[in-house]
Protein backbone atom coordinates (compact mmCIF):
# COMPACT_ATOMS: atom_id res chain seq x y z
CA MET A 1 39.53 140.49 124.42
CA SER A 2 36.73 142.74 123.28
CA ASN A 3 38.84 145.91 123.73
CA THR A 4 41.63 144.43 121.87
CA PHE A 5 39.34 143.47 119.01
CA TYR A 6 37.77 146.96 119.03
CA MET A 7 41.31 148.47 118.79
CA SER A 8 42.30 146.38 115.79
CA THR A 9 39.07 147.24 114.18
CA LEU A 10 39.60 150.87 114.66
CA SER A 11 43.05 150.71 113.03
CA TYR A 12 41.62 149.74 109.76
CA GLN A 13 38.74 152.29 109.66
CA PRO A 14 40.09 155.83 108.50
CA HIS A 15 36.85 157.53 109.12
CA ALA A 16 36.43 156.80 112.75
CA THR A 17 34.43 159.08 115.11
CA THR A 18 35.79 161.54 117.41
CA SER A 19 35.41 159.41 120.42
CA HIS A 20 37.17 156.72 118.82
CA GLN A 21 40.10 159.03 117.90
CA THR A 22 40.28 160.14 121.45
CA SER A 23 40.53 156.56 122.87
CA LEU A 24 43.06 155.81 120.15
CA GLY A 25 45.19 158.96 121.09
CA ALA A 26 45.23 157.93 124.57
CA ILE A 27 46.70 154.55 123.77
CA CYS A 28 48.80 155.38 120.52
CA ARG A 29 51.25 158.19 121.64
CA PRO A 30 53.01 160.03 118.72
CA THR A 31 56.47 159.08 120.23
CA LYS A 32 55.65 155.44 120.62
CA CYS A 33 53.74 154.76 117.34
CA SER A 34 55.85 152.80 114.96
CA TYR A 35 53.87 154.07 111.98
CA ARG A 36 54.36 157.71 112.79
CA LEU A 37 57.93 157.20 113.33
CA GLU A 38 58.38 155.38 110.12
CA LEU A 39 56.30 158.24 108.38
CA GLN A 40 58.53 160.89 109.85
CA GLN A 41 61.70 158.91 108.79
CA LYS A 42 60.35 158.65 105.20
CA ASN A 43 59.60 162.39 105.08
CA ALA A 44 62.97 163.16 106.17
CA GLU A 45 64.48 160.96 103.60
CA LEU A 46 62.10 162.54 101.03
CA GLN A 47 63.29 165.97 101.88
CA GLN A 48 66.99 164.81 101.72
CA LEU A 49 66.35 163.23 98.29
CA ARG A 50 64.61 166.40 97.07
CA ALA A 51 67.53 168.31 98.25
CA GLN A 52 69.96 166.01 96.38
CA LEU A 53 67.86 166.35 93.36
CA ALA A 54 67.89 170.02 93.46
CA GLU A 55 71.65 169.94 93.81
CA ARG A 56 71.98 167.48 90.89
CA ASP A 57 69.69 169.71 88.82
CA GLY A 58 72.02 172.63 89.56
CA GLN A 59 75.06 170.57 88.74
CA ILE A 60 73.35 169.52 85.34
CA LYS A 61 72.67 173.05 84.52
CA GLU A 62 76.11 174.24 85.21
CA LEU A 63 77.39 171.29 83.19
CA GLN A 64 75.12 172.21 80.33
CA GLU A 65 76.30 175.74 80.40
CA GLN A 66 79.90 174.51 80.37
CA LEU A 67 79.28 172.24 77.53
CA GLU A 68 77.59 174.99 75.47
CA HIS A 69 80.56 177.29 76.25
CA THR A 70 82.92 174.52 75.25
CA LYS A 71 81.00 173.92 72.08
CA GLY A 72 81.14 177.49 71.22
CA VAL A 73 84.91 177.67 71.76
CA LEU A 74 85.30 174.60 69.65
CA ARG A 75 83.15 176.05 66.85
CA HIS A 76 85.32 179.34 66.94
CA ARG A 77 88.60 177.36 66.86
CA GLU A 78 87.24 175.19 63.92
CA ALA A 79 86.30 178.36 62.03
CA MET A 80 89.75 179.75 62.64
CA LEU A 81 91.53 176.64 61.61
CA PHE A 82 89.46 175.30 58.76
CA GLY A 83 87.00 178.04 57.92
CA SER A 84 87.28 180.93 55.37
CA THR A 85 89.90 183.43 55.97
CA SER A 86 87.34 186.24 55.75
CA LYS A 87 84.77 186.90 58.32
CA PRO A 88 81.35 185.45 57.84
CA LYS A 89 78.80 187.63 56.16
CA ILE A 90 76.02 188.50 58.40
CA SER A 91 73.00 190.18 56.77
CA THR A 92 72.10 193.56 58.26
CA PRO A 93 69.92 196.45 57.15
CA GLN A 94 72.96 198.59 56.69
CA ASP A 95 74.53 196.44 53.95
CA SER A 96 73.80 199.23 51.54
CA LYS A 97 75.41 202.48 52.60
CA ASP A 98 73.48 204.37 49.96
CA GLN A 99 70.22 203.55 51.81
CA PRO A 100 71.01 203.95 55.56
CA THR A 101 68.29 202.61 57.90
CA ASP A 102 67.24 204.21 61.17
CA PHE A 103 67.91 201.26 63.64
CA THR A 104 66.18 202.71 66.66
CA ASP A 105 62.85 201.24 66.02
CA LEU A 106 63.94 197.87 64.47
CA GLY A 107 63.52 194.58 66.16
CA ASP A 108 65.12 191.41 65.66
CA ASP A 109 62.87 190.35 62.76
CA ALA A 110 64.16 193.33 60.80
CA PHE A 111 67.62 191.78 60.80
CA SER A 112 66.82 188.72 58.55
CA SER A 113 68.37 188.12 55.21
CA GLN A 114 65.27 189.30 53.35
CA HIS A 115 66.53 192.64 52.33
CA GLN A 116 67.60 194.19 49.14
CA LYS A 117 70.29 192.23 47.40
CA LYS A 118 73.67 193.92 47.55
CA ARG A 119 75.07 195.41 44.43
CA LYS A 120 77.94 193.34 42.99
CA ARG A 121 81.39 194.76 42.72
CA GLY A 122 83.02 195.63 39.32
CA GLY A 123 81.33 196.52 35.99
CA GLN A 124 77.62 196.07 35.75
CA LYS A 125 75.80 194.20 33.00
CA GLY A 126 75.05 196.55 30.13
CA HIS A 127 77.91 199.01 31.09
CA LYS A 128 79.72 199.98 27.89
CA GLY A 129 83.04 200.38 29.53
CA HIS A 130 85.86 202.93 29.01
CA GLY A 131 87.87 201.33 26.25
CA ARG A 132 91.36 200.05 26.20
CA LYS A 133 94.02 202.22 28.03
CA ILE A 134 97.35 202.09 26.18
CA PRO A 135 100.23 203.61 28.22
CA GLU A 136 101.72 206.58 26.43
CA HIS A 137 105.01 206.37 28.10
CA LEU A 138 105.97 202.97 26.76
CA PRO A 139 108.16 202.74 23.66
CA VAL A 140 106.23 201.64 20.55
CA LEU A 141 107.62 198.98 18.13
CA GLU A 142 105.86 198.83 14.77
CA GLN A 143 105.42 195.67 12.86
CA ILE A 144 104.30 195.68 9.26
CA HIS A 145 102.12 192.77 8.08
CA ASP A 146 101.77 192.18 4.35
CA VAL A 147 98.83 190.57 2.79
CA PRO A 148 99.47 187.02 2.09
CA PRO A 149 100.01 186.04 -1.70
CA GLU A 150 97.03 183.81 -1.74
CA LEU A 151 94.79 186.62 -0.53
CA ALA A 152 96.35 189.27 -2.71
CA VAL A 153 94.52 187.85 -5.93
CA CYS A 154 90.99 187.49 -6.96
CA PRO A 155 89.94 183.89 -6.21
CA LYS A 156 87.87 183.73 -9.42
CA CYS A 157 89.97 185.17 -12.23
CA GLY A 158 93.49 185.37 -10.50
CA ARG A 159 94.23 189.08 -11.30
CA PRO A 160 96.21 190.73 -8.39
CA PHE A 161 94.73 193.33 -6.08
CA SER A 162 96.16 196.88 -6.16
CA SER A 163 97.90 198.36 -3.25
CA SER A 164 95.83 201.12 -1.45
CA GLY A 165 98.43 202.55 1.04
CA LEU A 166 95.89 202.10 3.77
CA CYS A 167 96.03 199.81 6.83
CA GLU A 168 94.29 198.66 9.79
CA GLU A 169 95.89 199.16 13.21
CA SER A 170 95.65 197.02 16.45
CA THR A 171 97.67 197.19 19.51
CA GLU A 172 98.97 194.79 22.09
CA ILE A 173 101.23 195.06 25.15
CA THR A 174 104.29 192.65 25.40
CA MET A 175 107.06 192.11 28.00
CA GLU A 176 110.56 190.98 27.55
CA ILE A 177 112.87 190.11 30.55
CA GLN A 178 116.42 191.01 29.41
CA LEU A 179 119.33 190.15 31.53
CA LYS A 180 122.64 191.89 30.53
CA VAL A 181 126.15 191.63 31.49
CA ILE A 182 128.00 194.99 31.92
CA ARG A 183 131.62 194.73 31.16
CA HIS A 184 133.63 197.56 32.52
CA LYS A 185 136.82 198.36 30.75
CA ARG A 186 138.98 200.85 32.80
CA LYS A 187 141.54 202.54 30.75
CA ARG A 188 145.05 202.70 31.90
CA MET A 189 147.54 205.61 31.01
CA PHE A 190 151.34 205.68 31.43
CA ARG A 191 153.46 208.61 32.49
CA THR A 192 155.58 210.37 30.11
CA CYS A 193 157.88 212.21 32.51
CA ASP A 194 160.66 211.29 34.92
CA CYS A 195 159.21 213.07 37.90
CA PRO A 196 160.01 211.10 41.21
CA HIS A 197 157.47 209.66 43.51
CA VAL A 198 154.73 209.50 40.70
CA PRO A 199 153.16 206.25 39.81
CA THR A 200 154.22 204.78 36.39
CA SER A 201 150.51 204.41 35.35
CA VAL A 202 147.09 205.38 36.40
CA THR A 203 143.76 203.46 35.74
CA ALA A 204 140.28 204.75 35.66
CA PRO A 205 138.59 204.08 39.00
CA PRO A 206 136.07 201.23 39.15
CA PRO A 207 132.24 202.06 39.50
CA VAL A 208 131.23 202.82 43.10
CA LYS A 209 129.24 199.92 44.67
CA ALA A 210 127.63 199.66 48.08
CA ILE A 211 129.36 196.27 48.49
CA PRO A 212 132.73 196.27 46.80
CA LYS A 213 133.48 193.61 44.30
CA CYS A 214 129.85 192.40 44.31
CA LEU A 215 128.94 190.44 41.20
CA TYR A 216 125.55 192.10 40.95
CA SER A 217 124.49 195.72 40.25
CA HIS A 218 122.44 198.04 42.48
CA ALA A 219 119.42 197.59 40.25
CA PHE A 220 119.63 193.81 40.31
CA LEU A 221 119.85 193.82 44.18
CA ALA A 222 117.04 196.26 44.31
CA TYR A 223 114.93 193.88 42.21
CA MET A 224 115.79 190.92 44.39
CA LEU A 225 114.92 192.77 47.64
CA SER A 226 111.60 194.13 46.17
CA TRP A 227 110.57 190.74 44.86
CA LYS A 228 111.23 188.97 48.15
CA TYR A 229 110.03 191.59 50.78
CA GLY A 230 107.68 193.49 48.54
CA PHE A 231 106.09 190.62 46.73
CA GLN A 232 107.00 187.94 49.09
CA ILE A 233 108.76 185.64 46.66
CA PRO A 234 111.05 183.16 48.22
CA LEU A 235 114.79 183.28 47.08
CA THR A 236 114.67 179.82 45.87
CA ARG A 237 111.76 180.68 43.58
CA ILE A 238 113.52 183.85 42.47
CA ALA A 239 116.39 181.75 41.51
CA LEU A 240 114.29 179.44 39.49
CA MET A 241 112.66 182.44 37.64
CA LEU A 242 116.14 183.64 36.72
CA ALA A 243 117.34 180.24 35.72
CA MET A 244 114.41 180.18 33.19
CA GLU A 245 115.93 183.52 31.71
CA GLY A 246 119.44 181.80 31.48
CA LEU A 247 120.95 183.16 34.64
CA SER A 248 122.18 180.67 37.35
CA VAL A 249 121.95 182.43 40.92
CA ASN A 250 123.42 180.73 44.06
CA VAL A 251 120.93 181.44 46.83
CA GLY A 252 123.69 181.22 49.45
CA THR A 253 125.51 184.04 47.55
CA LEU A 254 122.43 186.40 47.76
CA SER A 255 121.87 185.52 51.31
CA GLY A 256 125.54 186.59 52.08
CA ILE A 257 124.91 189.85 50.16
CA PHE A 258 121.68 190.47 52.12
CA GLN A 259 123.42 189.99 55.29
CA ARG A 260 126.14 192.74 54.54
CA LEU A 261 123.26 195.03 53.29
CA THR A 262 121.63 194.55 56.76
CA GLU A 263 124.62 196.06 58.58
CA MET A 264 124.99 198.86 56.01
CA LEU A 265 121.41 200.04 55.92
CA LEU A 266 120.81 199.82 59.78
CA PRO A 267 121.30 203.57 60.50
CA LEU A 268 118.65 204.34 57.80
CA TYR A 269 116.20 202.07 59.49
CA LEU A 270 116.96 203.62 62.89
CA LEU A 271 116.27 207.03 61.41
CA PHE A 272 112.83 205.88 60.17
CA GLN A 273 112.29 204.86 63.86
CA GLN A 274 113.07 208.55 64.84
CA GLU A 275 110.72 209.85 62.37
CA LEU A 276 108.07 207.53 63.54
CA ARG A 277 108.16 209.17 67.10
CA SER A 278 107.13 212.47 65.48
CA GLU A 279 103.80 211.19 64.21
CA GLU A 280 100.62 212.44 65.65
CA ARG A 281 98.58 209.24 64.96
CA LEU A 282 99.78 205.75 64.76
CA HIS A 283 97.99 202.47 63.75
CA VAL A 284 99.75 199.57 65.69
CA ASP A 285 99.03 195.84 65.23
CA GLU A 286 101.11 192.56 65.49
CA THR A 287 101.02 188.98 64.00
CA SER A 288 102.75 185.83 64.57
CA PHE A 289 105.89 185.29 62.55
CA ARG A 290 107.98 182.09 62.33
CA HIS A 291 111.58 182.36 63.36
CA PHE A 292 114.19 179.56 63.30
CA GLY A 293 117.71 179.55 64.99
CA SER A 294 120.65 180.67 63.11
CA SER A 295 121.81 176.99 62.72
CA ALA A 296 118.54 175.72 61.34
CA SER A 297 118.43 174.37 57.74
CA MET A 298 116.83 176.42 55.00
CA ALA A 299 114.72 173.44 53.90
CA PHE A 300 112.55 171.22 56.10
CA THR A 301 113.86 167.73 57.04
CA GLU A 302 112.42 164.91 59.06
CA VAL A 303 114.35 166.12 62.11
CA GLU A 304 114.69 169.82 62.40
CA THR A 305 118.17 170.85 63.73
CA THR A 306 116.75 173.77 65.72
CA PRO A 307 113.24 173.90 67.40
CA ARG A 308 110.85 176.29 66.05
CA LYS A 309 110.57 179.73 67.66
CA LEU A 310 107.65 181.90 67.31
CA SER A 311 108.31 185.67 66.84
CA TRP A 312 106.03 188.53 66.31
CA LEU A 313 105.86 191.04 63.36
CA TRP A 314 104.81 194.46 64.60
CA VAL A 315 103.77 197.34 62.41
CA PHE A 316 103.52 201.01 63.58
CA SER A 317 101.90 202.93 60.60
CA GLY A 318 101.59 206.63 60.61
CA ASN A 319 101.09 209.45 58.13
CA ASN A 320 104.71 209.42 56.77
CA VAL A 321 106.24 206.15 58.02
CA THR A 322 105.32 202.58 58.15
CA PHE A 323 107.68 200.98 60.55
CA PHE A 324 108.11 197.12 61.09
CA VAL A 325 109.72 195.28 63.94
CA VAL A 326 110.34 191.58 64.30
CA ASP A 327 110.65 190.62 67.98
CA PRO A 328 110.29 187.34 70.05
CA SER A 329 108.11 189.23 72.49
CA ARG A 330 104.44 190.22 72.23
CA SER A 331 104.59 192.17 75.46
CA SER A 332 104.47 195.86 76.07
CA THR A 333 108.17 196.06 75.89
CA VAL A 334 108.01 196.30 72.05
CA PRO A 335 106.11 199.56 71.80
CA GLN A 336 108.11 200.80 74.84
CA ARG A 337 111.44 200.13 72.96
CA THR A 338 110.07 201.39 69.54
CA LEU A 339 108.23 204.50 70.74
CA GLY A 340 109.55 205.35 74.13
CA SER A 341 107.16 206.94 76.66
CA ASP A 342 107.83 210.58 76.32
CA LEU A 343 105.75 211.15 73.03
CA THR A 344 102.46 212.66 72.31
CA VAL A 345 100.42 210.50 69.95
CA THR A 346 97.16 208.80 69.55
CA LEU A 347 97.51 205.14 69.12
CA ILE A 348 94.66 203.17 67.32
CA THR A 349 94.76 199.53 68.19
CA ASP A 350 92.72 196.55 69.24
CA ASN A 351 92.10 195.82 72.89
CA PHE A 352 95.13 193.63 73.38
CA SER A 353 96.49 193.82 77.01
CA ALA A 354 100.16 194.83 75.90
CA TYR A 355 98.78 198.25 74.67
CA ARG A 356 96.98 198.97 77.86
CA LYS A 357 100.21 198.14 79.98
CA TYR A 358 102.24 200.35 77.70
CA LEU A 359 99.81 203.36 78.12
CA LYS A 360 100.41 203.16 81.94
CA SER A 361 103.88 204.32 81.44
CA ALA A 362 103.19 206.65 78.44
CA ILE A 363 100.91 209.24 80.19
CA HIS A 364 100.73 211.56 77.16
CA VAL A 365 99.62 208.80 74.66
CA LYS A 366 95.80 208.79 73.89
CA HIS A 367 94.30 205.32 73.14
CA ALA A 368 91.63 204.75 70.40
CA LEU A 369 90.16 201.24 70.12
CA CYS A 370 89.16 199.74 66.87
CA TRP A 371 85.50 199.44 65.96
CA ALA A 372 86.27 196.71 63.43
CA HIS A 373 87.47 194.51 66.25
CA PHE A 374 84.50 195.47 68.35
CA ARG A 375 82.33 194.28 65.47
CA ARG A 376 84.34 191.05 65.26
CA HIS A 377 83.22 190.05 68.73
CA PHE A 378 79.68 189.97 67.48
CA GLU A 379 80.64 187.99 64.49
CA ASP A 380 82.41 185.57 66.51
CA ALA A 381 79.37 185.14 68.69
CA THR A 382 77.57 184.02 65.86
CA VAL A 383 80.13 181.49 64.87
CA SER A 384 80.36 180.09 68.38
CA PHE A 385 76.70 180.26 69.31
CA PRO A 386 74.45 180.24 66.10
CA GLN A 387 71.27 181.08 68.26
CA LEU A 388 72.73 184.53 68.83
CA ALA A 389 72.79 185.45 65.11
CA PRO A 390 69.79 187.66 65.19
CA TRP A 391 71.06 189.57 68.21
CA SER A 392 74.56 189.87 66.64
CA ALA A 393 73.20 191.04 63.28
CA GLN A 394 71.21 193.82 65.18
CA TRP A 395 74.47 195.08 66.79
CA ILE A 396 76.50 194.83 63.55
CA GLY A 397 73.68 196.81 61.92
CA ARG A 398 74.18 199.52 64.44
CA ILE A 399 77.85 199.62 64.02
CA ALA A 400 77.36 199.83 60.14
CA GLU A 401 75.07 202.88 60.78
CA LEU A 402 77.88 204.73 62.87
CA TYR A 403 80.39 203.94 60.07
CA HIS A 404 77.88 205.43 57.57
CA LEU A 405 77.24 208.58 59.75
CA ASN A 406 81.09 208.98 60.20
CA ASP A 407 81.65 208.82 56.49
CA GLN A 408 78.98 211.58 56.00
CA ARG A 409 80.82 213.74 58.59
CA LEU A 410 84.07 213.16 56.90
CA GLY A 411 82.55 214.25 53.49
CA ALA A 412 81.32 217.46 55.06
CA VAL A 413 84.73 218.70 56.66
CA SER A 414 84.86 221.61 54.26
CA ASP A 415 81.51 222.86 55.00
CA GLN A 416 81.02 224.09 58.55
CA ILE A 417 77.25 223.92 58.62
CA LEU A 418 77.03 220.47 57.23
CA PHE A 419 79.79 219.27 59.47
CA ALA A 420 78.12 220.56 62.48
CA GLN A 421 74.87 218.82 61.46
CA ALA A 422 76.66 215.57 60.75
CA GLN A 423 78.53 215.82 64.15
CA ALA A 424 75.27 216.31 65.96
CA THR A 425 73.69 213.25 64.26
CA LEU A 426 76.74 211.16 65.03
CA GLU A 427 76.81 212.12 68.66
CA GLU A 428 73.05 211.33 69.02
CA LYS A 429 73.47 207.84 67.56
CA ILE A 430 76.57 207.05 69.63
CA GLN A 431 74.61 208.06 72.73
CA TYR A 432 71.83 205.79 71.73
CA PHE A 433 74.28 203.09 71.13
CA HIS A 434 75.60 203.35 74.78
CA THR A 435 72.01 203.68 76.25
CA THR A 436 70.99 200.50 74.47
CA MET A 437 73.98 198.63 75.82
CA GLU A 438 73.11 199.66 79.33
CA GLN A 439 69.62 198.59 79.11
CA GLU A 440 70.61 195.18 77.62
CA CYS A 441 73.13 194.46 80.37
CA LYS A 442 70.23 194.66 82.91
CA ASN A 443 68.48 191.76 81.41
CA PRO A 444 69.03 188.77 83.75
CA GLN A 445 68.30 186.23 80.87
CA LEU A 446 71.26 187.50 78.89
CA HIS A 447 73.62 184.88 77.45
CA GLU A 448 77.03 184.87 78.94
CA LYS A 449 78.64 185.68 75.62
CA GLN A 450 76.28 188.61 75.11
CA PHE A 451 76.96 189.99 78.70
CA LYS A 452 80.75 189.82 78.11
CA ILE A 453 80.62 191.73 74.88
CA LEU A 454 78.38 194.47 76.11
CA THR A 455 80.25 194.90 79.35
CA SER A 456 83.64 195.06 77.59
CA GLY A 457 82.25 197.67 75.32
CA MET A 458 80.90 199.76 78.13
CA ALA A 459 84.21 199.43 80.20
CA ASN A 460 86.21 200.82 77.20
CA TRP A 461 83.60 203.22 75.86
CA PRO A 462 85.92 206.36 76.21
CA LYS A 463 88.36 204.73 74.01
CA TYR A 464 85.76 203.82 71.42
CA THR A 465 84.36 207.24 71.14
CA VAL A 466 87.82 209.05 70.59
CA PHE A 467 86.82 209.41 66.85
CA VAL A 468 83.76 211.30 67.81
CA GLN A 469 85.67 214.19 69.34
CA ASP A 470 88.44 214.36 66.66
CA HIS A 471 87.34 213.51 63.08
CA ARG A 472 90.93 212.90 62.14
CA ILE A 473 91.00 209.58 64.14
CA PRO A 474 89.79 206.76 62.14
CA MET A 475 87.16 204.33 63.55
CA ASP A 476 89.15 201.33 62.86
CA ASN A 477 92.78 199.89 62.72
CA ASN A 478 92.41 198.83 59.09
CA GLN A 479 95.54 200.70 58.11
CA ALA A 480 97.79 198.54 60.22
CA GLU A 481 95.83 195.47 59.18
CA ARG A 482 96.63 196.22 55.50
CA ALA A 483 100.22 196.81 56.25
CA LEU A 484 100.53 193.40 57.93
CA ARG A 485 99.28 191.47 54.96
CA PRO A 486 102.52 191.21 52.91
CA GLY A 487 104.20 190.01 56.14
CA THR A 488 101.55 187.36 56.49
CA LEU A 489 102.27 186.26 52.92
CA GLY A 490 106.04 186.13 53.47
CA ARG A 491 105.40 184.05 56.78
CA LYS A 492 103.62 181.46 54.45
CA ASN A 493 105.79 181.68 51.43
CA TRP A 494 109.23 181.92 52.96
CA TYR A 495 108.03 180.04 55.95
CA GLY A 496 109.63 182.60 58.29
CA VAL A 497 113.25 183.64 58.75
CA HIS A 498 116.15 181.55 59.70
CA ALA A 499 118.49 184.00 61.44
CA ASP A 500 118.52 187.00 63.59
CA TRP A 501 119.91 189.32 60.81
CA SER A 502 117.28 187.86 58.37
CA ALA A 503 114.48 188.96 60.74
CA THR A 504 116.04 192.37 61.05
CA LEU A 505 116.42 192.70 57.24
CA ALA A 506 112.74 191.58 56.72
CA ALA A 507 111.46 194.29 59.10
CA MET A 508 113.90 196.92 57.54
CA MET A 509 112.82 196.13 53.81
CA MET A 510 109.23 196.14 54.68
CA THR A 511 109.74 199.49 56.30
CA PHE A 512 111.51 200.96 53.26
CA ILE A 513 109.24 199.48 50.65
CA GLN A 514 105.90 200.32 52.44
CA THR A 515 107.06 203.77 53.30
CA ALA A 516 108.08 204.48 49.71
CA SER A 517 104.78 203.19 48.33
CA LYS A 518 103.00 205.44 50.97
CA HIS A 519 104.70 208.41 49.24
CA LYS A 520 103.67 207.13 45.82
CA LEU A 521 107.28 206.00 44.94
CA ASN A 522 108.40 202.84 43.05
CA SER A 523 109.94 200.89 45.89
CA THR A 524 112.46 199.12 43.48
CA ALA A 525 113.67 202.36 42.17
CA TYR A 526 113.75 203.90 45.70
CA LEU A 527 116.09 200.89 46.96
CA ARG A 528 118.31 201.34 43.99
CA TYR A 529 118.60 205.03 44.80
CA VAL A 530 119.43 204.18 48.29
CA LEU A 531 122.13 201.79 47.44
CA ASP A 532 123.71 204.30 44.93
CA ARG A 533 123.77 206.96 47.61
CA PHE A 534 125.45 204.56 50.08
CA ALA A 535 127.96 203.49 47.41
CA VAL A 536 128.91 207.20 46.83
CA HIS A 537 129.78 207.68 50.40
CA ALA A 538 131.59 204.29 50.44
CA GLY A 539 128.96 202.62 52.69
CA LYS A 540 128.99 205.34 55.36
CA PRO A 541 125.70 206.75 56.57
CA CYS A 542 126.18 210.35 55.24
CA LYS A 543 123.24 212.77 54.95
CA LEU A 544 120.65 210.17 55.88
CA GLN A 545 117.85 212.79 55.95
CA GLU A 546 118.14 213.11 52.06
CA LEU A 547 117.27 209.39 51.78
CA LEU A 548 113.97 209.66 53.39
CA PRO A 549 111.24 209.29 50.58
CA TRP A 550 109.54 212.65 51.30
CA ASN A 551 112.96 214.42 50.95
CA ILE A 552 113.94 213.22 47.59
CA SER A 553 113.93 215.92 44.99
CA LYS A 554 111.79 215.83 41.92
CA GLU A 555 114.89 215.77 39.63
CA GLU A 556 116.11 212.61 41.38
CA GLN A 557 112.78 211.10 41.17
CA GLU A 558 112.57 211.74 37.50
CA GLN A 559 116.13 210.35 37.15
CA TYR A 560 115.35 207.06 38.68
CA GLN A 561 111.69 207.05 37.26
CA MET A 562 110.58 206.86 40.89
CA TYR A 563 107.31 208.44 41.02
CA THR A 564 104.30 206.26 40.20
CA GLY A 565 101.37 208.20 41.62
CA GLY A 566 100.51 205.32 43.81
CA GLY A 567 99.63 201.63 43.71
CA PRO A 568 101.54 198.47 45.20
CA PRO A 569 105.26 198.40 45.74
């Protein structure tokens, strides 16, 4: 009993002596003590719970990253759907090109919006202007305004004023839309002899027309084509405009005429394509373009007769030719069919995969990537992840500096010494740009979006630096972007095309109009000239080389009042 009592007492005394611990150890074996077994079990459970907790923490972190990524994608999609059509303005020190800043020693704090306010466009306050410009080539119609009788006498005594022969002049510009009907009277003559096998009478031949018996003149059709495909006005709206001037035009009739013109002008369109393949540099881009089946209704109804089809409007813009293609595909087959693979040219594009695939077969084609699209990645990063705004602003400022240095280089092309200095400065900055990307990519704390943008830039770095070796290569693809804008307006205003021939005509007319404008020709006058020439040859494609805008003689340009010196179509 005493030993039992002594052992129970020891079990409640944590500071027992060594002799007591020895006797306890002799009796309470580690393998048989219930408390030790329970403690070991609890420790094992604790380790398991800690492992589960660590696993849950990893899952939570992964889910948070996915959530942040999804929110970023959502913000980007909302900006595309509901935001402004222009890209957001991100303040950088390079907003003013007149005062470039060396970005090598600038930190994130330097890229805040607290910099000098950008100069507004247009005339500045206090500028006296240049006066009114009255075109000298316009006809002048004089109108004489007499002094009213109540003002021609003295208001007190009533005596009349004497005429001085002097006058004050003021000028205004007016416009009148005048529709005319040309009635052709072809004279007939009768023979006065009795010669056999000779017609009894002869009649003056009718005026030559591209489409025989067409109700409308070539000038009228040229205006219709220019208004629709140059200024993107739908045919129904054009018909309303003409109705306001007293002319009722059937839209179906015009569509039928346009369809016949498509077949007739196709050889000239293919000649433009051949000329395109001789260009040294081409800007290429594409945008979505609505296309309906041939049986689709021209107007929307509650139930459409044909499902909507999405086509693509492609542009290939060179020095001489701006060529358009409407195709249901966005793949590399379009540039393959349009350009072929045996040409030597430099393509300026964005980083779309179709161009990369095309270049694998076109081994002699050099590829230059657009810096405006590279800059857009940083702008999109700010929209998707606002916390990256300082970082994006820093890189956008560096890109702006490269644009400024390239502009300085282009301005010094005629001076070899200045050009060499500008070239060396640009090469130094472009090398610093690449080195900075490499250093940032080594940062393990880099955001996923940051890492993706920088690694993409490094992977395509040779394509981004083509402009450094050849100053004739632009830094961006803005030429193609500008060429596509009329097509995007047409996509909205006409709401696409409703037949395959209509898609071909849209590409054809935009090719003719924009190429004529590129050579400073009035596109309406150019289309009229083309129709007249086809009419002379009875609709046959004769001497097509003479119809290219750069081959038209100055005499014919003056005859058709074709040369404008530039400006919109």
